[in-house]
PDB file of N, CA and C in Angstrom:
ATOM      1  N   UNK A   1      -6.438  -6.044  -8.093  1.00  0.00           N
ATOM      2  CA  UNK A   1      -5.837  -7.321  -7.769  1.00  0.00           C
ATOM      3  C   UNK A   1      -5.304  -7.935  -9.053  1.00  0.00           C
ATOM      4  N   UNK A   2      -4.115  -8.484  -8.990  1.00  0.00           N
ATOM      5  CA  UNK A   2      -3.512  -9.107 -10.156  1.00  0.00           C
ATOM      6  C   UNK A   2      -2.615 -10.261  -9.750  1.00  0.00           C
ATOM      7  N   UNK A   3      -2.120 -10.984 -10.730  1.00  0.00           N
ATOM      8  CA  UNK A   3      -1.279 -12.150 -10.491  1.00  0.00           C
ATOM      9  C   UNK A   3       0.099 -11.721 -10.007  1.00  0.00           C
ATOM     10  N   UNK A   4       0.564 -12.335  -8.938  1.00  0.00           N
ATOM     11  CA  UNK A   4       1.892 -12.091  -8.388  1.00  0.00           C
ATOM     12  C   UNK A   4       2.773 -13.255  -8.828  1.00  0.00           C
ATOM     13  N   UNK A   5       3.652 -13.048  -9.824  1.00  0.00           N
ATOM     14  CA  UNK A   5       4.440 -14.154 -10.356  1.00  0.00           C
ATOM     15  C   UNK A   5       5.523 -14.663  -9.406  1.00  0.00           C
ATOM     16  N   UNK A   6       5.895 -13.880  -8.421  1.00  0.00           N
ATOM     17  CA  UNK A   6       6.922 -14.306  -7.479  1.00  0.00           C
ATOM     18  C   UNK A   6       6.320 -15.206  -6.397  1.00  0.00           C
ATOM     19  N   UNK A   7       5.235 -14.778  -5.782  1.00  0.00           N
ATOM     20  CA  UNK A   7       4.604 -15.549  -4.699  1.00  0.00           C
ATOM     21  C   UNK A   7       3.572 -16.551  -5.215  1.00  0.00           C
ATOM     22  N   UNK A   8       3.262 -16.474  -6.532  1.00  0.00           N
ATOM     23  CA  UNK A   8       2.334 -17.407  -7.178  1.00  0.00           C
ATOM     24  C   UNK A   8       0.925 -17.364  -6.569  1.00  0.00           C
ATOM     25  N   UNK A   9       0.427 -16.157  -6.325  1.00  0.00           N
ATOM     26  CA  UNK A   9      -0.938 -15.920  -5.839  1.00  0.00           C
ATOM     27  C   UNK A   9      -1.448 -14.638  -6.493  1.00  0.00           C
ATOM     28  N   UNK A  10      -2.745 -14.415  -6.404  1.00  0.00           N
ATOM     29  CA  UNK A  10      -3.294 -13.119  -6.791  1.00  0.00           C
ATOM     30  C   UNK A  10      -3.119 -12.196  -5.596  1.00  0.00           C
ATOM     31  N   UNK A  11      -2.709 -10.972  -5.843  1.00  0.00           N
ATOM     32  CA  UNK A  11      -2.466 -10.027  -4.753  1.00  0.00           C
ATOM     33  C   UNK A  11      -3.082  -8.681  -5.084  1.00  0.00           C
ATOM     34  N   UNK A  12      -3.582  -8.027  -4.058  1.00  0.00           N
ATOM     35  CA  UNK A  12      -4.129  -6.694  -4.214  1.00  0.00           C
ATOM     36  C   UNK A  12      -3.567  -5.773  -3.151  1.00  0.00           C
ATOM     37  N   UNK A  13      -3.183  -4.579  -3.559  1.00  0.00           N
ATOM     38  CA  UNK A  13      -2.714  -3.547  -2.635  1.00  0.00           C
ATOM     39  C   UNK A  13      -3.792  -2.478  -2.583  1.00  0.00           C
ATOM     40  N   UNK A  14      -4.120  -2.012  -1.383  1.00  0.00           N
ATOM     41  CA  UNK A  14      -5.225  -1.069  -1.250  1.00  0.00           C
ATOM     42  C   UNK A  14      -5.052  -0.194  -0.020  1.00  0.00           C
ATOM     43  N   UNK A  15      -5.863   0.885   0.026  1.00  0.00           N
ATOM     44  CA  UNK A  15      -5.943   1.669   1.259  1.00  0.00           C
ATOM     45  C   UNK A  15      -6.531   0.740   2.308  1.00  0.00           C
ATOM     46  N   UNK A  16      -5.878   0.628   3.455  1.00  0.00           N
ATOM     47  CA  UNK A  16      -6.259  -0.394   4.424  1.00  0.00           C
ATOM     48  C   UNK A  16      -6.986   0.186   5.636  1.00  0.00           C
ATOM     49  N   UNK A  17      -8.222   0.597   5.444  1.00  0.00           N
ATOM     50  CA  UNK A  17      -9.171   0.953   6.503  1.00  0.00           C
ATOM     51  C   UNK A  17      -8.581   1.724   7.676  1.00  0.00           C
ATOM     52  N   UNK A  18      -7.897   2.777   7.401  1.00  0.00           N
ATOM     53  CA  UNK A  18      -7.416   3.598   8.513  1.00  0.00           C
ATOM     54  C   UNK A  18      -7.688   5.066   8.212  1.00  0.00           C
ATOM     55  N   UNK A  19      -8.747   5.333   7.473  1.00  0.00           N
ATOM     56  CA  UNK A  19      -9.088   6.727   7.219  1.00  0.00           C
ATOM     57  C   UNK A  19     -10.347   7.086   7.993  1.00  0.00           C
ATOM     58  N   UNK A  20     -11.330   7.686   7.409  1.00  0.00           N
ATOM     59  CA  UNK A  20     -12.479   8.245   8.137  1.00  0.00           C
ATOM     60  C   UNK A  20     -13.127   7.297   9.141  1.00  0.00           C
ATOM     61  N   UNK A  21     -13.283   6.033   8.818  1.00  0.00           N
ATOM     62  CA  UNK A  21     -13.994   5.094   9.697  1.00  0.00           C
ATOM     63  C   UNK A  21     -13.095   4.432  10.731  1.00  0.00           C
ATOM     64  N   UNK A  22     -11.817   4.681  10.710  1.00  0.00           N
ATOM     65  CA  UNK A  22     -10.903   3.903  11.537  1.00  0.00           C
ATOM     66  C   UNK A  22     -10.137   4.767  12.537  1.00  0.00           C
ATOM     67  N   UNK A  23      -9.547   4.137  13.543  1.00  0.00           N
ATOM     68  CA  UNK A  23      -8.935   4.871  14.659  1.00  0.00           C
ATOM     69  C   UNK A  23      -7.855   5.882  14.271  1.00  0.00           C
ATOM     70  N   UNK A  24      -6.948   5.542  13.394  1.00  0.00           N
ATOM     71  CA  UNK A  24      -5.891   6.497  13.048  1.00  0.00           C
ATOM     72  C   UNK A  24      -6.370   7.585  12.093  1.00  0.00           C
ATOM     73  N   UNK A  25      -7.521   7.380  11.475  1.00  0.00           N
ATOM     74  CA  UNK A  25      -8.088   8.325  10.512  1.00  0.00           C
ATOM     75  C   UNK A  25      -7.079   8.668   9.411  1.00  0.00           C
ATOM     76  N   UNK A  26      -6.339   7.664   8.984  1.00  0.00           N
ATOM     77  CA  UNK A  26      -5.339   7.849   7.937  1.00  0.00           C
ATOM     78  C   UNK A  26      -5.437   6.730   6.922  1.00  0.00           C
ATOM     79  N   UNK A  27      -5.066   7.064   5.700  1.00  0.00           N
ATOM     80  CA  UNK A  27      -4.932   6.032   4.676  1.00  0.00           C
ATOM     81  C   UNK A  27      -3.545   5.419   4.804  1.00  0.00           C
ATOM     82  N   UNK A  28      -3.508   4.112   4.928  1.00  0.00           N
ATOM     83  CA  UNK A  28      -2.259   3.356   4.928  1.00  0.00           C
ATOM     84  C   UNK A  28      -2.413   2.269   3.865  1.00  0.00           C
ATOM     85  N   UNK A  29      -1.345   1.602   3.524  1.00  0.00           N
ATOM     86  CA  UNK A  29      -1.384   0.611   2.449  1.00  0.00           C
ATOM     87  C   UNK A  29      -1.429  -0.802   3.033  1.00  0.00           C
ATOM     88  N   UNK A  30      -2.342  -1.614   2.511  1.00  0.00           N
ATOM     89  CA  UNK A  30      -2.469  -3.008   2.914  1.00  0.00           C
ATOM     90  C   UNK A  30      -2.370  -3.933   1.712  1.00  0.00           C
ATOM     91  N   UNK A  31      -2.295  -5.219   1.987  1.00  0.00           N
ATOM     92  CA  UNK A  31      -2.199  -6.233   0.930  1.00  0.00           C
ATOM     93  C   UNK A  31      -3.053  -7.427   1.319  1.00  0.00           C
ATOM     94  N   UNK A  32      -3.793  -7.958   0.346  1.00  0.00           N
ATOM     95  CA  UNK A  32      -4.555  -9.199   0.520  1.00  0.00           C
ATOM     96  C   UNK A  32      -4.137 -10.150  -0.591  1.00  0.00           C
ATOM     97  N   UNK A  33      -4.202 -11.450  -0.314  1.00  0.00           N
ATOM     98  CA  UNK A  33      -3.836 -12.465  -1.301  1.00  0.00           C
ATOM     99  C   UNK A  33      -4.996 -13.419  -1.526  1.00  0.00           C
ATOM    100  N   UNK A  34      -5.008 -14.010  -2.729  1.00  0.00           N
ATOM    101  CA  UNK A  34      -6.019 -14.999  -3.065  1.00  0.00           C
ATOM    102  C   UNK A  34      -5.399 -16.070  -3.957  1.00  0.00           C
ATOM    103  N   UNK A  35      -5.631 -17.336  -3.653  1.00  0.00           N
ATOM    104  CA  UNK A  35      -5.111 -18.385  -4.528  1.00  0.00           C
ATOM    105  C   UNK A  35      -5.970 -18.572  -5.780  1.00  0.00           C
ATOM    106  N   UNK A  36      -7.247 -18.120  -5.734  1.00  0.00           N
ATOM    107  CA  UNK A  36      -8.183 -18.453  -6.811  1.00  0.00           C
ATOM    108  C   UNK A  36      -9.120 -17.318  -7.241  1.00  0.00           C
ATOM    109  N   UNK A  37      -8.932 -16.121  -6.729  1.00  0.00           N
ATOM    110  CA  UNK A  37      -9.794 -14.966  -6.986  1.00  0.00           C
ATOM    111  C   UNK A  37     -11.210 -15.143  -6.447  1.00  0.00           C
ATOM    112  N   UNK A  38     -11.436 -16.153  -5.622  1.00  0.00           N
ATOM    113  CA  UNK A  38     -12.731 -16.355  -4.974  1.00  0.00           C
ATOM    114  C   UNK A  38     -12.562 -16.107  -3.474  1.00  0.00           C
ATOM    115  N   UNK A  39     -11.602 -16.771  -2.873  1.00  0.00           N
ATOM    116  CA  UNK A  39     -11.302 -16.615  -1.451  1.00  0.00           C
ATOM    117  C   UNK A  39     -10.079 -15.725  -1.317  1.00  0.00           C
ATOM    118  N   UNK A  40     -10.098 -14.830  -0.319  1.00  0.00           N
ATOM    119  CA  UNK A  40      -8.932 -13.981  -0.115  1.00  0.00           C
ATOM    120  C   UNK A  40      -8.624 -13.837   1.359  1.00  0.00           C
ATOM    121  N   UNK A  41      -7.390 -13.495   1.649  1.00  0.00           N
ATOM    122  CA  UNK A  41      -6.973 -13.261   3.030  1.00  0.00           C
ATOM    123  C   UNK A  41      -7.481 -11.902   3.496  1.00  0.00           C
ATOM    124  N   UNK A  42      -7.513 -11.716   4.797  1.00  0.00           N
ATOM    125  CA  UNK A  42      -7.798 -10.391   5.344  1.00  0.00           C
ATOM    126  C   UNK A  42      -6.605  -9.499   4.985  1.00  0.00           C
ATOM    127  N   UNK A  43      -6.849  -8.249   4.627  1.00  0.00           N
ATOM    128  CA  UNK A  43      -5.717  -7.367   4.302  1.00  0.00           C
ATOM    129  C   UNK A  43      -4.806  -7.163   5.513  1.00  0.00           C
ATOM    130  N   UNK A  44      -3.514  -7.238   5.271  1.00  0.00           N
ATOM    131  CA  UNK A  44      -2.539  -6.927   6.312  1.00  0.00           C
ATOM    132  C   UNK A  44      -1.960  -5.550   5.999  1.00  0.00           C
ATOM    133  N   UNK A  45      -1.654  -4.786   7.025  1.00  0.00           N
ATOM    134  CA  UNK A  45      -1.112  -3.447   6.834  1.00  0.00           C
ATOM    135  C   UNK A  45       0.368  -3.542   6.515  1.00  0.00           C
ATOM    136  N   UNK A  46       0.788  -2.869   5.424  1.00  0.00           N
ATOM    137  CA  UNK A  46       2.180  -2.917   4.994  1.00  0.00           C
ATOM    138  C   UNK A  46       2.918  -1.607   5.226  1.00  0.00           C
ATOM    139  N   UNK A  47       2.309  -0.503   4.840  1.00  0.00           N
ATOM    140  CA  UNK A  47       2.983   0.791   4.912  1.00  0.00           C
ATOM    141  C   UNK A  47       2.179   1.757   5.770  1.00  0.00           C
ATOM    142  N   UNK A  48       2.834   2.277   6.816  1.00  0.00           N
ATOM    143  CA  UNK A  48       2.243   3.243   7.728  1.00  0.00           C
ATOM    144  C   UNK A  48       3.267   4.367   7.900  1.00  0.00           C
ATOM    145  N   UNK A  49       2.831   5.640   7.902  1.00  0.00           N
ATOM    146  CA  UNK A  49       3.794   6.718   8.148  1.00  0.00           C
ATOM    147  C   UNK A  49       4.533   6.487   9.466  1.00  0.00           C
ATOM    148  N   UNK A  50       5.816   6.815   9.471  1.00  0.00           N
ATOM    149  CA  UNK A  50       6.656   6.593  10.645  1.00  0.00           C
ATOM    150  C   UNK A  50       6.740   7.816  11.550  1.00  0.00           C
ATOM    151  N   UNK A  51       7.491   7.678  12.622  1.00  0.00           N
ATOM    152  CA  UNK A  51       7.624   8.724  13.626  1.00  0.00           C
ATOM    153  C   UNK A  51       8.245  10.007  13.121  1.00  0.00           C
ATOM    154  N   UNK A  52       9.077   9.946  12.086  1.00  0.00           N
ATOM    155  CA  UNK A  52       9.703  11.154  11.550  1.00  0.00           C
ATOM    156  C   UNK A  52       8.882  11.804  10.440  1.00  0.00           C
ATOM    157  N   UNK A  53       7.768  11.166  10.068  1.00  0.00           N
ATOM    158  CA  UNK A  53       6.895  11.726   9.036  1.00  0.00           C
ATOM    159  C   UNK A  53       5.986  12.790   9.635  1.00  0.00           C
ATOM    160  N   UNK A  54       5.513  13.734   8.797  1.00  0.00           N
ATOM    161  CA  UNK A  54       4.559  14.730   9.295  1.00  0.00           C
ATOM    162  C   UNK A  54       3.303  14.032   9.828  1.00  0.00           C
ATOM    163  N   UNK A  55       2.661  14.581  10.866  1.00  0.00           N
ATOM    164  CA  UNK A  55       1.510  13.917  11.473  1.00  0.00           C
ATOM    165  C   UNK A  55       0.314  13.766  10.536  1.00  0.00           C
ATOM    166  N   UNK A  56       0.213  14.606   9.508  1.00  0.00           N
ATOM    167  CA  UNK A  56      -0.935  14.504   8.595  1.00  0.00           C
ATOM    168  C   UNK A  56      -0.616  13.724   7.321  1.00  0.00           C
ATOM    169  N   UNK A  57       0.534  13.027   7.267  1.00  0.00           N
ATOM    170  CA  UNK A  57       0.901  12.247   6.084  1.00  0.00           C
ATOM    171  C   UNK A  57       0.020  11.012   5.954  1.00  0.00           C
ATOM    172  N   UNK A  58      -0.433  10.760   4.721  1.00  0.00           N
ATOM    173  CA  UNK A  58      -1.205   9.563   4.413  1.00  0.00           C
ATOM    174  C   UNK A  58      -0.644   8.956   3.135  1.00  0.00           C
ATOM    175  N   UNK A  59      -0.730   7.635   3.024  1.00  0.00           N
ATOM    176  CA  UNK A  59      -0.328   6.942   1.806  1.00  0.00           C
ATOM    177  C   UNK A  59      -1.596   6.639   1.030  1.00  0.00           C
ATOM    178  N   UNK A  60      -1.720   7.246  -0.118  1.00  0.00           N
ATOM    179  CA  UNK A  60      -2.987   7.238  -0.830  1.00  0.00           C
ATOM    180  C   UNK A  60      -3.197   6.027  -1.725  1.00  0.00           C
ATOM    181  N   UNK A  61      -2.171   5.598  -2.438  1.00  0.00           N
ATOM    182  CA  UNK A  61      -2.345   4.475  -3.362  1.00  0.00           C
ATOM    183  C   UNK A  61      -1.001   3.834  -3.691  1.00  0.00           C
ATOM    184  N   UNK A  62      -1.065   2.565  -4.069  1.00  0.00           N
ATOM    185  CA  UNK A  62       0.110   1.803  -4.479  1.00  0.00           C
ATOM    186  C   UNK A  62      -0.358   0.749  -5.476  1.00  0.00           C
ATOM    187  N   UNK A  63       0.165   0.796  -6.683  1.00  0.00           N
ATOM    188  CA  UNK A  63      -0.186  -0.176  -7.727  1.00  0.00           C
ATOM    189  C   UNK A  63       1.105  -0.888  -8.126  1.00  0.00           C
ATOM    190  N   UNK A  64       1.362  -2.013  -7.528  1.00  0.00           N
ATOM    191  CA  UNK A  64       2.655  -2.690  -7.595  1.00  0.00           C
ATOM    192  C   UNK A  64       2.853  -3.427  -8.917  1.00  0.00           C
ATOM    193  N   UNK A  65       4.074  -3.363  -9.416  1.00  0.00           N
ATOM    194  CA  UNK A  65       4.503  -4.124 -10.591  1.00  0.00           C
ATOM    195  C   UNK A  65       5.704  -4.971 -10.195  1.00  0.00           C
ATOM    196  N   UNK A  66       5.934  -6.040 -10.928  1.00  0.00           N
ATOM    197  CA  UNK A  66       7.114  -6.877 -10.708  1.00  0.00           C
ATOM    198  C   UNK A  66       8.079  -6.618 -11.852  1.00  0.00           C
ATOM    199  N   UNK A  67       9.340  -6.331 -11.497  1.00  0.00           N
ATOM    200  CA  UNK A  67      10.382  -6.075 -12.486  1.00  0.00           C
ATOM    201  C   UNK A  67      11.681  -6.699 -12.008  1.00  0.00           C
ATOM    202  N   UNK A  68      12.240  -7.602 -12.822  1.00  0.00           N
ATOM    203  CA  UNK A  68      13.532  -8.234 -12.527  1.00  0.00           C
ATOM    204  C   UNK A  68      13.579  -8.850 -11.124  1.00  0.00           C
ATOM    205  N   UNK A  69      12.479  -9.455 -10.690  1.00  0.00           N
ATOM    206  CA  UNK A  69      12.443 -10.125  -9.394  1.00  0.00           C
ATOM    207  C   UNK A  69      12.155  -9.225  -8.207  1.00  0.00           C
ATOM    208  N   UNK A  70      11.865  -7.946  -8.448  1.00  0.00           N
ATOM    209  CA  UNK A  70      11.521  -7.004  -7.379  1.00  0.00           C
ATOM    210  C   UNK A  70      10.105  -6.489  -7.581  1.00  0.00           C
ATOM    211  N   UNK A  71       9.480  -6.120  -6.482  1.00  0.00           N
ATOM    212  CA  UNK A  71       8.202  -5.418  -6.530  1.00  0.00           C
ATOM    213  C   UNK A  71       8.544  -3.931  -6.535  1.00  0.00           C
ATOM    214  N   UNK A  72       8.047  -3.192  -7.509  1.00  0.00           N
ATOM    215  CA  UNK A  72       8.371  -1.770  -7.624  1.00  0.00           C
ATOM    216  C   UNK A  72       7.098  -0.956  -7.864  1.00  0.00           C
ATOM    217  N   UNK A  73       7.129   0.282  -7.428  1.00  0.00           N
ATOM    218  CA  UNK A  73       6.012   1.186  -7.695  1.00  0.00           C
ATOM    219  C   UNK A  73       6.327   2.580  -7.205  1.00  0.00           C
ATOM    220  N   UNK A  74       5.413   3.472  -7.541  1.00  0.00           N
ATOM    221  CA  UNK A  74       5.442   4.837  -7.052  1.00  0.00           C
ATOM    222  C   UNK A  74       4.332   4.959  -6.004  1.00  0.00           C
ATOM    223  N   UNK A  75       4.709   5.211  -4.766  1.00  0.00           N
ATOM    224  CA  UNK A  75       3.766   5.360  -3.656  1.00  0.00           C
ATOM    225  C   UNK A  75       3.194   6.778  -3.692  1.00  0.00           C
ATOM    226  N   UNK A  76       1.882   6.885  -3.732  1.00  0.00           N
ATOM    227  CA  UNK A  76       1.221   8.192  -3.738  1.00  0.00           C
ATOM    228  C   UNK A  76       1.112   8.681  -2.307  1.00  0.00           C
ATOM    229  N   UNK A  77       1.751   9.793  -1.996  1.00  0.00           N
ATOM    230  CA  UNK A  77       1.734  10.375  -0.656  1.00  0.00           C
ATOM    231  C   UNK A  77       0.856  11.622  -0.664  1.00  0.00           C
ATOM    232  N   UNK A  78       0.255  11.897   0.483  1.00  0.00           N
ATOM    233  CA  UNK A  78      -0.691  13.006   0.579  1.00  0.00           C
ATOM    234  C   UNK A  78      -0.609  13.625   1.965  1.00  0.00           C
ATOM    235  N   UNK A  79      -0.580  14.955   2.004  1.00  0.00           N
ATOM    236  CA  UNK A  79      -0.682  15.690   3.265  1.00  0.00           C
ATOM    237  C   UNK A  79      -1.913  16.570   3.188  1.00  0.00           C
ATOM    238  N   UNK A  80      -2.747  16.478   4.193  1.00  0.00           N
ATOM    239  CA  UNK A  80      -4.011  17.208   4.197  1.00  0.00           C
ATOM    240  C   UNK A  80      -3.862  18.644   4.676  1.00  0.00           C
ATOM    241  N   UNK A  81      -2.649  19.064   4.992  1.00  0.00           N
ATOM    242  CA  UNK A  81      -2.451  20.430   5.479  1.00  0.00           C
ATOM    243  C   UNK A  81      -2.859  21.436   4.408  1.00  0.00           C
ATOM    244  N   UNK A  82      -2.996  22.660   4.804  1.00  0.00           N
ATOM    245  CA  UNK A  82      -3.446  23.681   3.866  1.00  0.00           C
ATOM    246  C   UNK A  82      -2.229  24.439   3.355  1.00  0.00           C
ATOM    247  N   UNK A  83      -1.947  24.521   2.082  1.00  0.00           N
ATOM    248  CA  UNK A  83      -2.658  23.838   1.003  1.00  0.00           C
ATOM    249  C   UNK A  83      -2.261  22.361   0.944  1.00  0.00           C
ATOM    250  N   UNK A  84      -3.149  21.548   0.443  1.00  0.00           N
ATOM    251  CA  UNK A  84      -2.892  20.106   0.340  1.00  0.00           C
ATOM    252  C   UNK A  84      -1.658  19.851  -0.520  1.00  0.00           C
ATOM    253  N   UNK A  85      -0.852  18.893  -0.116  1.00  0.00           N
ATOM    254  CA  UNK A  85       0.381  18.556  -0.827  1.00  0.00           C
ATOM    255  C   UNK A  85       0.336  17.097  -1.237  1.00  0.00           C
ATOM    256  N   UNK A  86       0.698  16.819  -2.489  1.00  0.00           N
ATOM    257  CA  UNK A  86       0.759  15.450  -3.001  1.00  0.00           C
ATOM    258  C   UNK A  86       2.100  15.241  -3.702  1.00  0.00           C
ATOM    259  N   UNK A  87       2.654  14.043  -3.583  1.00  0.00           N
ATOM    260  CA  UNK A  87       3.882  13.699  -4.283  1.00  0.00           C
ATOM    261  C   UNK A  87       3.992  12.186  -4.348  1.00  0.00           C
ATOM    262  N   UNK A  88       4.968  11.719  -5.093  1.00  0.00           N
ATOM    263  CA  UNK A  88       5.185  10.281  -5.192  1.00  0.00           C
ATOM    264  C   UNK A  88       6.586   9.940  -4.692  1.00  0.00           C
ATOM    265  N   UNK A  89       6.732   8.715  -4.213  1.00  0.00           N
ATOM    266  CA  UNK A  89       8.031   8.201  -3.800  1.00  0.00           C
ATOM    267  C   UNK A  89       8.220   6.837  -4.451  1.00  0.00           C
ATOM    268  N   UNK A  90       9.422   6.575  -4.945  1.00  0.00           N
ATOM    269  CA  UNK A  90       9.741   5.265  -5.488  1.00  0.00           C
ATOM    270  C   UNK A  90       9.897   4.295  -4.326  1.00  0.00           C
ATOM    271  N   UNK A  91       9.241   3.133  -4.409  1.00  0.00           N
ATOM    272  CA  UNK A  91       9.353   2.106  -3.378  1.00  0.00           C
ATOM    273  C   UNK A  91       9.645   0.769  -4.049  1.00  0.00           C
ATOM    274  N   UNK A  92      10.325  -0.108  -3.320  1.00  0.00           N
ATOM    275  CA  UNK A  92      10.554  -1.457  -3.831  1.00  0.00           C
ATOM    276  C   UNK A  92      10.605  -2.436  -2.686  1.00  0.00           C
ATOM    277  N   UNK A  93      10.433  -3.708  -3.021  1.00  0.00           N
ATOM    278  CA  UNK A  93      10.456  -4.777  -2.027  1.00  0.00           C
ATOM    279  C   UNK A  93      10.949  -6.044  -2.704  1.00  0.00           C
ATOM    280  N   UNK A  94      11.588  -6.889  -1.925  1.00  0.00           N
ATOM    281  CA  UNK A  94      12.029  -8.184  -2.443  1.00  0.00           C
ATOM    282  C   UNK A  94      10.955  -9.262  -2.279  1.00  0.00           C
ATOM    283  N   UNK A  95      10.035  -9.062  -1.304  1.00  0.00           N
ATOM    284  CA  UNK A  95       9.026 -10.092  -1.050  1.00  0.00           C
ATOM    285  C   UNK A  95       7.586  -9.594  -1.210  1.00  0.00           C
ATOM    286  N   UNK A  96       7.393  -8.327  -1.546  1.00  0.00           N
ATOM    287  CA  UNK A  96       6.053  -7.788  -1.725  1.00  0.00           C
ATOM    288  C   UNK A  96       5.356  -7.448  -0.423  1.00  0.00           C
ATOM    289  N   UNK A  97       6.042  -7.610   0.686  1.00  0.00           N
ATOM    290  CA  UNK A  97       5.437  -7.370   2.003  1.00  0.00           C
ATOM    291  C   UNK A  97       6.259  -6.375   2.832  1.00  0.00           C
ATOM    292  N   UNK A  98       7.567  -6.501   2.828  1.00  0.00           N
ATOM    293  CA  UNK A  98       8.427  -5.580   3.580  1.00  0.00           C
ATOM    294  C   UNK A  98       9.241  -4.721   2.625  1.00  0.00           C
TER     295      UNK A  98
END
């Protein structure tokens, strides 16, 4: 979790409870916000594999940075198929949510 200079809150991006313990059994990316690092919002799901993605695709991690007014990062992607495949994709957002 770190300071979000655009939205003026602390924000954290994390795997959002959709792997072993959850119905989809997949890692997806969520975001929670905090005005004071004491109280925080419930994580909302931001990134979920789409219909054209392989069925075993999971989003493993996202550590967002702000650059020139945009949220940017490399999304860690993972496929559990044999052999396991990992790669990164460049992602960006104007609001840190979509």
